Amino acid sequence: MNLRIHSSQKQLKNKGRALKNRMQDKVVLITGAASGVGQAAAQALVDQGARVVVADIDEHNGRETVQRLGEAGLFVRLNIADEYDWEQAVAVTYAHFGHLDAVVNNAGILPTGDIEQTSLQDWRRTLSINADGTFLGCKYAIQALREKGGAIVNLASTAAVAGHPGMCAYSASKGAVAALTRNVAAHCLNHGYRIRCNTIIPGGVRTPMTAAIWSGNDDLSFADNPKSPFCEPLDIANLIVFLVSDESRYINGAEMRVDNAFLVALG
């Protein structure tokens, strides 16, 4: 009995050590990593042994993030809607780290406005950043990963599924992200690439982008309210780590909700 207990404890200890370093030697490029979910994911991945490219248009916060990450971090200025920027970001990643294992398409904007309020200009800007940016991220990720394989993780939203009347352009852009993910997963499967592409569908997340909604309202903290529609960035970051790791090697084309049963409760 004691031998079996000792053996089990040893296995758990070894498993814990393996999980702590399960991202060892992997290089991950994360867009929008200067704040919010992207920043939390960057730290979580580095904590697991990864090296991270903090790709963001926000140079000040991006470089501060890399300072906290240390030598495992690299800042690259990236406008995700600009194809030349993507070419340069991948080239700099290879020049600095030597390879790339995963791309997390996290960056985006959250304009508000219903179908009657949204201007064509706002519509086009939102689709350009959220949809075009993810398209380019997937396109250049496949180009970089198709020889050795890897992972693509795209951030969509419950707005892509539930509609969210006050977020017309945002809902459409995130619907495009979800549909694109399925297409990319099928494309890579059909070509025999060892590239898996999955979507995370968060509900509300307490980030600077959503601060106008949750700021000053303690009831929206999940720590204080189990019915809260808002989670913390780390709740999304933990799933990103899993989807980038080899533990998710057979998960491809999936849409994974992180919404505290929000969509289920809608019926």
C-alpha atoms as a PDB file:
ATOM      1  CA  MET A   1       0.000   0.000   0.000  1.00  0.00           C
ATOM      2  CA  ASN A   2       2.735   2.433   0.999  1.00  0.00           C
ATOM      3  CA  LEU A   3       4.713   1.586  -2.133  1.00  0.00           C
ATOM      4  CA  ARG A   4       1.679   2.304  -4.305  1.00  0.00           C
ATOM      5  CA  ILE A   5       1.052   5.601  -2.554  1.00  0.00           C
ATOM      6  CA  HIS A   6       4.695   6.592  -2.942  1.00  0.00           C
ATOM      7  CA  SER A   7       4.571   5.647  -6.627  1.00  0.00           C
ATOM      8  CA  SER A   8       1.414   7.712  -7.184  1.00  0.00           C
ATOM      9  CA  GLN A   9       2.909  10.723  -5.444  1.00  0.00           C
ATOM     10  CA  LYS A  10       6.036  10.431  -7.562  1.00  0.00           C
ATOM     11  CA  GLN A  11       3.943  10.270 -10.747  1.00  0.00           C
ATOM     12  CA  LEU A  12       1.976  13.359  -9.712  1.00  0.00           C
ATOM     13  CA  LYS A  13       5.212  15.214  -8.954  1.00  0.00           C
ATOM     14  CA  ASN A  14       6.669  14.278 -12.339  1.00  0.00           C
ATOM     15  CA  LYS A  15       3.435  15.239 -14.073  1.00  0.00           C
ATOM     16  CA  GLY A  16       3.454  18.612 -12.328  1.00  0.00           C
ATOM     17  CA  ARG A  17       7.038  19.197 -13.424  1.00  0.00           C
ATOM     18  CA  ALA A  18       6.150  18.246 -17.014  1.00  0.00           C
ATOM     19  CA  LEU A  19       3.128  20.582 -17.058  1.00  0.00           C
ATOM     20  CA  LYS A  20       5.221  23.456 -15.740  1.00  0.00           C
ATOM     21  CA  ASN A  21       7.594  23.136 -18.697  1.00  0.00           C
ATOM     22  CA  ARG A  22       5.158  21.925 -21.317  1.00  0.00           C
ATOM     23  CA  MET A  23       5.829  24.938 -23.555  1.00  0.00           C
ATOM     24  CA  GLN A  24       9.614  24.560 -23.374  1.00  0.00           C
ATOM     25  CA  ASP A  25      11.369  25.797 -26.538  1.00  0.00           C
ATOM     26  CA  LYS A  26       8.099  26.787 -28.232  1.00  0.00           C
ATOM     27  CA  VAL A  27       7.842  30.228 -29.818  1.00  0.00           C
ATOM     28  CA  VAL A  28       4.430  31.905 -29.877  1.00  0.00           C
ATOM     29  CA  LEU A  29       3.441  35.142 -31.600  1.00  0.00           C
ATOM     30  CA  ILE A  30       0.510  36.898 -29.906  1.00  0.00           C
ATOM     31  CA  THR A  31      -1.228  39.916 -31.401  1.00  0.00           C
ATOM     32  CA  GLY A  32      -2.607  42.542 -29.068  1.00  0.00           C
ATOM     33  CA  ALA A  33      -0.225  41.329 -26.362  1.00  0.00           C
ATOM     34  CA  ALA A  34       0.486  44.768 -24.887  1.00  0.00           C
ATOM     35  CA  SER A  35      -2.558  44.530 -22.615  1.00  0.00           C
ATOM     36  CA  GLY A  36      -5.575  42.469 -21.616  1.00  0.00           C
ATOM     37  CA  VAL A  37      -5.933  38.867 -22.707  1.00  0.00           C
ATOM     38  CA  GLY A  38      -2.870  38.980 -24.961  1.00  0.00           C
ATOM     39  CA  GLN A  39      -0.646  40.238 -22.169  1.00  0.00           C
ATOM     40  CA  ALA A  40      -1.987  37.616 -19.742  1.00  0.00           C
ATOM     41  CA  ALA A  41      -1.420  34.894 -22.342  1.00  0.00           C
ATOM     42  CA  ALA A  42       2.135  36.081 -22.943  1.00  0.00           C
ATOM     43  CA  GLN A  43       2.959  35.821 -19.246  1.00  0.00           C
ATOM     44  CA  ALA A  44       1.204  32.454 -18.864  1.00  0.00           C
ATOM     45  CA  LEU A  45       3.121  31.015 -21.821  1.00  0.00           C
ATOM     46  CA  VAL A  46       6.472  32.295 -20.587  1.00  0.00           C
ATOM     47  CA  ASP A  47       5.692  30.789 -17.182  1.00  0.00           C
ATOM     48  CA  GLN A  48       5.337  27.448 -18.979  1.00  0.00           C
ATOM     49  CA  GLY A  49       8.708  27.762 -20.705  1.00  0.00           C
ATOM     50  CA  ALA A  50       7.728  29.430 -23.998  1.00  0.00           C
ATOM     51  CA  ARG A  51       9.297  32.372 -25.744  1.00  0.00           C
ATOM     52  CA  VAL A  52       6.794  34.981 -26.854  1.00  0.00           C
ATOM     53  CA  VAL A  53       6.584  37.626 -29.542  1.00  0.00           C
ATOM     54  CA  VAL A  54       4.543  40.520 -28.171  1.00  0.00           C
ATOM     55  CA  ALA A  55       3.018  41.911 -31.357  1.00  0.00           C
ATOM     56  CA  ASP A  56       1.060  45.133 -30.949  1.00  0.00           C
ATOM     57  CA  ILE A  57       0.552  48.571 -32.379  1.00  0.00           C
ATOM     58  CA  ASP A  58       0.974  49.980 -28.856  1.00  0.00           C
ATOM     59  CA  GLU A  59       4.749  50.341 -28.621  1.00  0.00           C
ATOM     60  CA  HIS A  60       4.907  51.798 -25.117  1.00  0.00           C
ATOM     61  CA  ASN A  61       2.899  49.092 -23.355  1.00  0.00           C
ATOM     62  CA  GLY A  62       4.296  46.428 -25.661  1.00  0.00           C
ATOM     63  CA  ARG A  63       7.877  47.193 -24.676  1.00  0.00           C
ATOM     64  CA  GLU A  64       6.916  47.395 -20.991  1.00  0.00           C
ATOM     65  CA  THR A  65       5.326  43.958 -21.287  1.00  0.00           C
ATOM     66  CA  VAL A  66       8.522  42.548 -22.776  1.00  0.00           C
ATOM     67  CA  GLN A  67      10.573  44.070 -19.954  1.00  0.00           C
ATOM     68  CA  ARG A  68       8.479  42.070 -17.500  1.00  0.00           C
ATOM     69  CA  LEU A  69       8.858  38.911 -19.577  1.00  0.00           C
ATOM     70  CA  GLY A  70      12.631  39.228 -19.754  1.00  0.00           C
ATOM     71  CA  GLU A  71      14.740  37.467 -22.370  1.00  0.00           C
ATOM     72  CA  ALA A  72      11.823  35.169 -23.254  1.00  0.00           C
ATOM     73  CA  GLY A  73       9.966  38.129 -24.768  1.00  0.00           C
ATOM     74  CA  LEU A  74      10.380  40.103 -27.994  1.00  0.00           C
ATOM     75  CA  PHE A  75       8.364  43.156 -29.017  1.00  0.00           C
ATOM     76  CA  VAL A  76       7.346  43.623 -32.642  1.00  0.00           C
ATOM     77  CA  ARG A  77       5.221  46.539 -33.761  1.00  0.00           C
ATOM     78  CA  LEU A  78       2.356  45.090 -35.775  1.00  0.00           C
ATOM     79  CA  ASN A  79      -0.685  46.662 -37.381  1.00  0.00           C
ATOM     80  CA  ILE A  80      -2.641  43.448 -37.944  1.00  0.00           C
ATOM     81  CA  ALA A  81      -4.530  44.918 -40.903  1.00  0.00           C
ATOM     82  CA  ASP A  82      -1.269  45.611 -42.764  1.00  0.00           C
ATOM     83  CA  GLU A  83       0.142  42.746 -44.838  1.00  0.00           C
ATOM     84  CA  TYR A  84       3.660  44.189 -44.930  1.00  0.00           C
ATOM     85  CA  ASP A  85       3.671  44.353 -41.131  1.00  0.00           C
ATOM     86  CA  TRP A  86       2.817  40.644 -40.979  1.00  0.00           C
ATOM     87  CA  GLU A  87       5.647  39.781 -43.356  1.00  0.00           C
ATOM     88  CA  GLN A  88       8.065  41.746 -41.186  1.00  0.00           C
ATOM     89  CA  ALA A  89       6.742  40.321 -37.905  1.00  0.00           C
ATOM     90  CA  VAL A  90       7.295  36.739 -39.045  1.00  0.00           C
ATOM     91  CA  ALA A  91      10.723  37.582 -40.479  1.00  0.00           C
ATOM     92  CA  VAL A  92      11.828  39.264 -37.233  1.00  0.00           C
ATOM     93  CA  THR A  93      10.526  36.302 -35.222  1.00  0.00           C
ATOM     94  CA  TYR A  94      12.639  33.882 -37.249  1.00  0.00           C
ATOM     95  CA  ALA A  95      15.671  36.144 -37.102  1.00  0.00           C
ATOM     96  CA  HIS A  96      15.463  36.428 -33.311  1.00  0.00           C
ATOM     97  CA  PHE A  97      14.168  33.029 -32.174  1.00  0.00           C
ATOM     98  CA  GLY A  98      14.896  30.818 -35.188  1.00  0.00           C
ATOM     99  CA  HIS A  99      11.419  29.334 -35.552  1.00  0.00           C
ATOM    100  CA  LEU A 100       7.724  29.800 -34.837  1.00  0.00           C
ATOM    101  CA  ASP A 101       5.330  27.256 -33.325  1.00  0.00           C
ATOM    102  CA  ALA A 102       2.041  29.097 -32.870  1.00  0.00           C
ATOM    103  CA  VAL A 103       0.147  32.282 -33.649  1.00  0.00           C
ATOM    104  CA  VAL A 104      -2.581  33.692 -31.401  1.00  0.00           C
ATOM    105  CA  ASN A 105      -4.808  36.167 -33.230  1.00  0.00           C
ATOM    106  CA  ASN A 106      -6.076  38.153 -30.269  1.00  0.00           C
ATOM    107  CA  ALA A 107      -5.913  41.824 -31.258  1.00  0.00           C
ATOM    108  CA  GLY A 108      -9.127  43.633 -32.095  1.00  0.00           C
ATOM    109  CA  ILE A 109     -11.384  46.605 -31.409  1.00  0.00           C
ATOM    110  CA  LEU A 110     -14.809  46.812 -29.784  1.00  0.00           C
ATOM    111  CA  PRO A 111     -16.932  49.623 -31.235  1.00  0.00           C
ATOM    112  CA  THR A 112     -20.551  49.912 -30.132  1.00  0.00           C
ATOM    113  CA  GLY A 113     -23.590  50.781 -32.194  1.00  0.00           C
ATOM    114  CA  ASP A 114     -26.617  48.955 -33.575  1.00  0.00           C
ATOM    115  CA  ILE A 115     -27.395  48.428 -37.267  1.00  0.00           C
ATOM    116  CA  GLU A 116     -29.081  51.845 -37.537  1.00  0.00           C
ATOM    117  CA  GLN A 117     -26.332  53.742 -35.720  1.00  0.00           C
ATOM    118  CA  THR A 118     -23.286  52.138 -37.319  1.00  0.00           C
ATOM    119  CA  SER A 119     -21.757  54.117 -40.161  1.00  0.00           C
ATOM    120  CA  LEU A 120     -20.216  52.464 -43.194  1.00  0.00           C
ATOM    121  CA  GLN A 121     -16.877  53.928 -42.144  1.00  0.00           C
ATOM    122  CA  ASP A 122     -17.095  52.310 -38.691  1.00  0.00           C
ATOM    123  CA  TRP A 123     -18.241  49.036 -40.251  1.00  0.00           C
ATOM    124  CA  ARG A 124     -15.303  48.930 -42.654  1.00  0.00           C
ATOM    125  CA  ARG A 125     -12.772  49.878 -39.983  1.00  0.00           C
ATOM    126  CA  THR A 126     -14.028  47.162 -37.616  1.00  0.00           C
ATOM    127  CA  LEU A 127     -14.019  44.475 -40.304  1.00  0.00           C
ATOM    128  CA  SER A 128     -10.605  45.623 -41.507  1.00  0.00           C
ATOM    129  CA  ILE A 129      -9.025  45.191 -38.088  1.00  0.00           C
ATOM    130  CA  ASN A 130     -10.937  42.252 -36.598  1.00  0.00           C
ATOM    131  CA  ALA A 131     -11.635  40.171 -39.712  1.00  0.00           C
ATOM    132  CA  ASP A 132      -8.875  41.207 -42.146  1.00  0.00           C
ATOM    133  CA  GLY A 133      -6.321  41.134 -39.327  1.00  0.00           C
ATOM    134  CA  THR A 134      -7.242  37.573 -38.406  1.00  0.00           C
ATOM    135  CA  PHE A 135      -7.254  36.538 -42.061  1.00  0.00           C
ATOM    136  CA  LEU A 136      -3.708  37.835 -42.480  1.00  0.00           C
ATOM    137  CA  GLY A 137      -2.654  36.237 -39.201  1.00  0.00           C
ATOM    138  CA  CYS A 138      -3.908  32.842 -40.363  1.00  0.00           C
ATOM    139  CA  LYS A 139      -2.422  33.254 -43.831  1.00  0.00           C
ATOM    140  CA  TYR A 140       1.073  34.058 -42.575  1.00  0.00           C
ATOM    141  CA  ALA A 141       0.836  31.529 -39.756  1.00  0.00           C
ATOM    142  CA  ILE A 142       0.176  28.735 -42.261  1.00  0.00           C
ATOM    143  CA  GLN A 143       3.085  29.903 -44.378  1.00  0.00           C
ATOM    144  CA  ALA A 144       5.376  29.760 -41.326  1.00  0.00           C
ATOM    145  CA  LEU A 145       4.020  26.537 -39.799  1.00  0.00           C
ATOM    146  CA  ARG A 146       3.183  24.226 -42.689  1.00  0.00           C
ATOM    147  CA  GLU A 147       6.569  22.472 -42.779  1.00  0.00           C
ATOM    148  CA  LYS A 148       6.829  21.479 -39.114  1.00  0.00           C
ATOM    149  CA  GLY A 149       3.260  22.049 -37.894  1.00  0.00           C
ATOM    150  CA  GLY A 150       1.895  24.106 -35.035  1.00  0.00           C
ATOM    151  CA  ALA A 151      -1.189  25.867 -33.725  1.00  0.00           C
ATOM    152  CA  ILE A 152      -3.351  28.853 -34.580  1.00  0.00           C
ATOM    153  CA  VAL A 153      -5.731  30.245 -31.970  1.00  0.00           C
ATOM    154  CA  ASN A 154      -8.289  32.865 -32.976  1.00  0.00           C
ATOM    155  CA  LEU A 155     -10.278  34.982 -30.527  1.00  0.00           C
ATOM    156  CA  ALA A 156     -13.936  35.400 -31.471  1.00  0.00           C
ATOM    157  CA  SER A 157     -16.790  36.342 -29.091  1.00  0.00           C
ATOM    158  CA  THR A 158     -20.244  35.337 -27.921  1.00  0.00           C
ATOM    159  CA  ALA A 159     -21.284  38.327 -30.053  1.00  0.00           C
ATOM    160  CA  ALA A 160     -20.604  36.087 -33.065  1.00  0.00           C
ATOM    161  CA  VAL A 161     -23.244  33.649 -31.823  1.00  0.00           C
ATOM    162  CA  ALA A 162     -25.792  35.665 -29.846  1.00  0.00           C
ATOM    163  CA  GLY A 163     -25.814  38.800 -31.969  1.00  0.00           C
ATOM    164  CA  HIS A 164     -25.507  41.487 -29.238  1.00  0.00           C
ATOM    165  CA  PRO A 165     -27.726  44.181 -30.843  1.00  0.00           C
ATOM    166  CA  GLY A 166     -25.551  47.064 -29.617  1.00  0.00           C
ATOM    167  CA  MET A 167     -22.462  45.665 -31.337  1.00  0.00           C
ATOM    168  CA  CYS A 168     -23.401  45.386 -35.003  1.00  0.00           C
ATOM    169  CA  ALA A 169     -19.996  45.639 -36.700  1.00  0.00           C
ATOM    170  CA  TYR A 170     -18.217  43.801 -33.882  1.00  0.00           C
ATOM    171  CA  SER A 171     -20.668  40.880 -34.039  1.00  0.00           C
ATOM    172  CA  ALA A 172     -20.196  40.573 -37.795  1.00  0.00           C
ATOM    173  CA  SER A 173     -16.407  40.742 -37.531  1.00  0.00           C
ATOM    174  CA  LYS A 174     -16.262  38.033 -34.879  1.00  0.00           C
ATOM    175  CA  GLY A 175     -18.683  35.892 -36.891  1.00  0.00           C
ATOM    176  CA  ALA A 176     -16.176  36.135 -39.728  1.00  0.00           C
ATOM    177  CA  VAL A 177     -13.388  35.039 -37.369  1.00  0.00           C
ATOM    178  CA  ALA A 178     -15.340  31.959 -36.267  1.00  0.00           C
ATOM    179  CA  ALA A 179     -16.178  30.977 -39.849  1.00  0.00           C
ATOM    180  CA  LEU A 180     -12.610  31.589 -41.010  1.00  0.00           C
ATOM    181  CA  THR A 181     -11.296  29.321 -38.256  1.00  0.00           C
ATOM    182  CA  ARG A 182     -13.404  26.407 -39.509  1.00  0.00           C
ATOM    183  CA  ASN A 183     -12.207  27.051 -43.039  1.00  0.00           C
ATOM    184  CA  VAL A 184      -8.537  27.183 -42.006  1.00  0.00           C
ATOM    185  CA  ALA A 185      -8.844  23.983 -39.970  1.00  0.00           C
ATOM    186  CA  ALA A 186     -10.427  22.155 -42.921  1.00  0.00           C
ATOM    187  CA  HIS A 187      -7.840  23.547 -45.340  1.00  0.00           C
ATOM    188  CA  CYS A 188      -4.903  22.404 -43.207  1.00  0.00           C
ATOM    189  CA  LEU A 189      -6.475  18.977 -42.691  1.00  0.00           C
ATOM    190  CA  ASN A 190      -7.065  18.507 -46.423  1.00  0.00           C
ATOM    191  CA  HIS A 191      -3.459  19.450 -47.207  1.00  0.00           C
ATOM    192  CA  GLY A 192      -2.017  17.205 -44.537  1.00  0.00           C
ATOM    193  CA  TYR A 193      -0.491  20.097 -42.611  1.00  0.00           C
ATOM    194  CA  ARG A 194       0.010  19.400 -38.924  1.00  0.00           C
ATOM    195  CA  ILE A 195      -1.565  22.744 -38.138  1.00  0.00           C
ATOM    196  CA  ARG A 196      -4.598  22.923 -35.892  1.00  0.00           C
ATOM    197  CA  CYS A 197      -6.774  26.043 -35.842  1.00  0.00           C
ATOM    198  CA  ASN A 198      -9.274  26.687 -33.065  1.00  0.00           C
ATOM    199  CA  THR A 199     -11.503  29.511 -31.871  1.00  0.00           C
ATOM    200  CA  ILE A 200     -12.024  30.740 -28.350  1.00  0.00           C
ATOM    201  CA  ILE A 201     -15.423  32.334 -27.804  1.00  0.00           C
ATOM    202  CA  PRO A 202     -15.277  34.472 -24.673  1.00  0.00           C
ATOM    203  CA  GLY A 203     -18.172  36.233 -23.059  1.00  0.00           C
ATOM    204  CA  GLY A 204     -17.202  39.406 -21.270  1.00  0.00           C
ATOM    205  CA  VAL A 205     -13.582  39.794 -20.168  1.00  0.00           C
ATOM    206  CA  ARG A 206     -12.377  42.483 -17.761  1.00  0.00           C
ATOM    207  CA  THR A 207      -9.806  44.193 -19.972  1.00  0.00           C
ATOM    208  CA  PRO A 208      -9.048  47.817 -20.905  1.00  0.00           C
ATOM    209  CA  MET A 209     -11.113  47.334 -24.075  1.00  0.00           C
ATOM    210  CA  THR A 210     -14.268  46.582 -22.060  1.00  0.00           C
ATOM    211  CA  ALA A 211     -13.559  48.979 -19.174  1.00  0.00           C
ATOM    212  CA  ALA A 212     -16.438  51.287 -20.124  1.00  0.00           C
ATOM    213  CA  ILE A 213     -18.832  48.414 -19.330  1.00  0.00           C
ATOM    214  CA  TRP A 214     -17.430  46.954 -16.109  1.00  0.00           C
ATOM    215  CA  SER A 215     -15.412  49.787 -14.557  1.00  0.00           C
ATOM    216  CA  GLY A 216     -16.705  50.772 -11.117  1.00  0.00           C
ATOM    217  CA  ASN A 217     -19.169  47.884 -10.947  1.00  0.00           C
ATOM    218  CA  ASP A 218     -17.927  45.298  -8.451  1.00  0.00           C
ATOM    219  CA  ASP A 219     -20.935  43.068  -9.183  1.00  0.00           C
ATOM    220  CA  LEU A 220     -19.321  42.272 -12.531  1.00  0.00           C
ATOM    221  CA  SER A 221     -16.354  40.591 -10.842  1.00  0.00           C
ATOM    222  CA  PHE A 222     -16.671  36.807 -10.997  1.00  0.00           C
ATOM    223  CA  ALA A 223     -14.792  36.584  -7.699  1.00  0.00           C
ATOM    224  CA  ASP A 224     -17.702  38.415  -6.037  1.00  0.00           C
ATOM    225  CA  ASN A 225     -20.600  37.274  -8.204  1.00  0.00           C
ATOM    226  CA  PRO A 226     -20.905  33.705  -9.575  1.00  0.00           C
ATOM    227  CA  LYS A 227     -23.459  34.986 -12.112  1.00  0.00           C
ATOM    228  CA  SER A 228     -21.034  37.536 -13.491  1.00  0.00           C
ATOM    229  CA  PRO A 229     -20.852  37.753 -17.300  1.00  0.00           C
ATOM    230  CA  PHE A 230     -17.213  38.878 -16.988  1.00  0.00           C
ATOM    231  CA  CYS A 231     -14.132  36.729 -16.424  1.00  0.00           C
ATOM    232  CA  GLU A 232     -10.516  37.756 -15.958  1.00  0.00           C
ATOM    233  CA  PRO A 233      -7.894  37.741 -18.768  1.00  0.00           C
ATOM    234  CA  LEU A 234      -6.131  34.787 -17.133  1.00  0.00           C
ATOM    235  CA  ASP A 235      -9.261  32.651 -17.605  1.00  0.00           C
ATOM    236  CA  ILE A 236      -8.804  33.030 -21.363  1.00  0.00           C
ATOM    237  CA  ALA A 237      -5.015  32.847 -21.180  1.00  0.00           C
ATOM    238  CA  ASN A 238      -5.148  29.420 -19.512  1.00  0.00           C
ATOM    239  CA  LEU A 239      -7.139  28.041 -22.441  1.00  0.00           C
ATOM    240  CA  ILE A 240      -4.754  29.644 -24.926  1.00  0.00           C
ATOM    241  CA  VAL A 241      -1.853  27.828 -23.251  1.00  0.00           C
ATOM    242  CA  PHE A 242      -3.690  24.524 -23.597  1.00  0.00           C
ATOM    243  CA  LEU A 243      -4.602  25.078 -27.252  1.00  0.00           C
ATOM    244  CA  VAL A 244      -1.023  26.032 -28.109  1.00  0.00           C
ATOM    245  CA  SER A 245       0.468  23.082 -26.228  1.00  0.00           C
ATOM    246  CA  ASP A 246       0.861  19.556 -27.598  1.00  0.00           C
ATOM    247  CA  GLU A 247      -1.832  18.421 -25.161  1.00  0.00           C
ATOM    248  CA  SER A 248      -4.424  19.691 -27.647  1.00  0.00           C
ATOM    249  CA  ARG A 249      -2.859  17.955 -30.661  1.00  0.00           C
ATOM    250  CA  TYR A 250      -6.164  16.352 -31.774  1.00  0.00           C
ATOM    251  CA  ILE A 251      -8.355  19.399 -31.202  1.00  0.00           C
ATOM    252  CA  ASN A 252      -8.867  21.126 -34.523  1.00  0.00           C
ATOM    253  CA  GLY A 253     -11.647  23.358 -35.834  1.00  0.00           C
ATOM    254  CA  ALA A 254     -13.223  23.615 -32.386  1.00  0.00           C
ATOM    255  CA  GLU A 255     -15.134  26.564 -30.939  1.00  0.00           C
ATOM    256  CA  MET A 256     -14.498  26.691 -27.207  1.00  0.00           C
ATOM    257  CA  ARG A 257     -16.756  28.904 -25.117  1.00  0.00           C
ATOM    258  CA  VAL A 258     -15.525  30.704 -22.020  1.00  0.00           C
ATOM    259  CA  ASP A 259     -18.737  32.463 -21.016  1.00  0.00           C
ATOM    260  CA  ASN A 260     -20.018  31.115 -17.672  1.00  0.00           C
ATOM    261  CA  ALA A 261     -22.933  29.394 -19.491  1.00  0.00           C
ATOM    262  CA  PHE A 262     -24.145  32.722 -20.941  1.00  0.00           C
ATOM    263  CA  LEU A 263     -25.141  31.255 -24.303  1.00  0.00           C
ATOM    264  CA  VAL A 264     -26.674  28.163 -22.711  1.00  0.00           C
ATOM    265  CA  ALA A 265     -28.789  30.295 -20.399  1.00  0.00           C
ATOM    266  CA  LEU A 266     -30.165  32.205 -23.399  1.00  0.00           C
ATOM    267  CA  GLY A 267     -31.791  28.944 -24.463  1.00  0.00           C
END
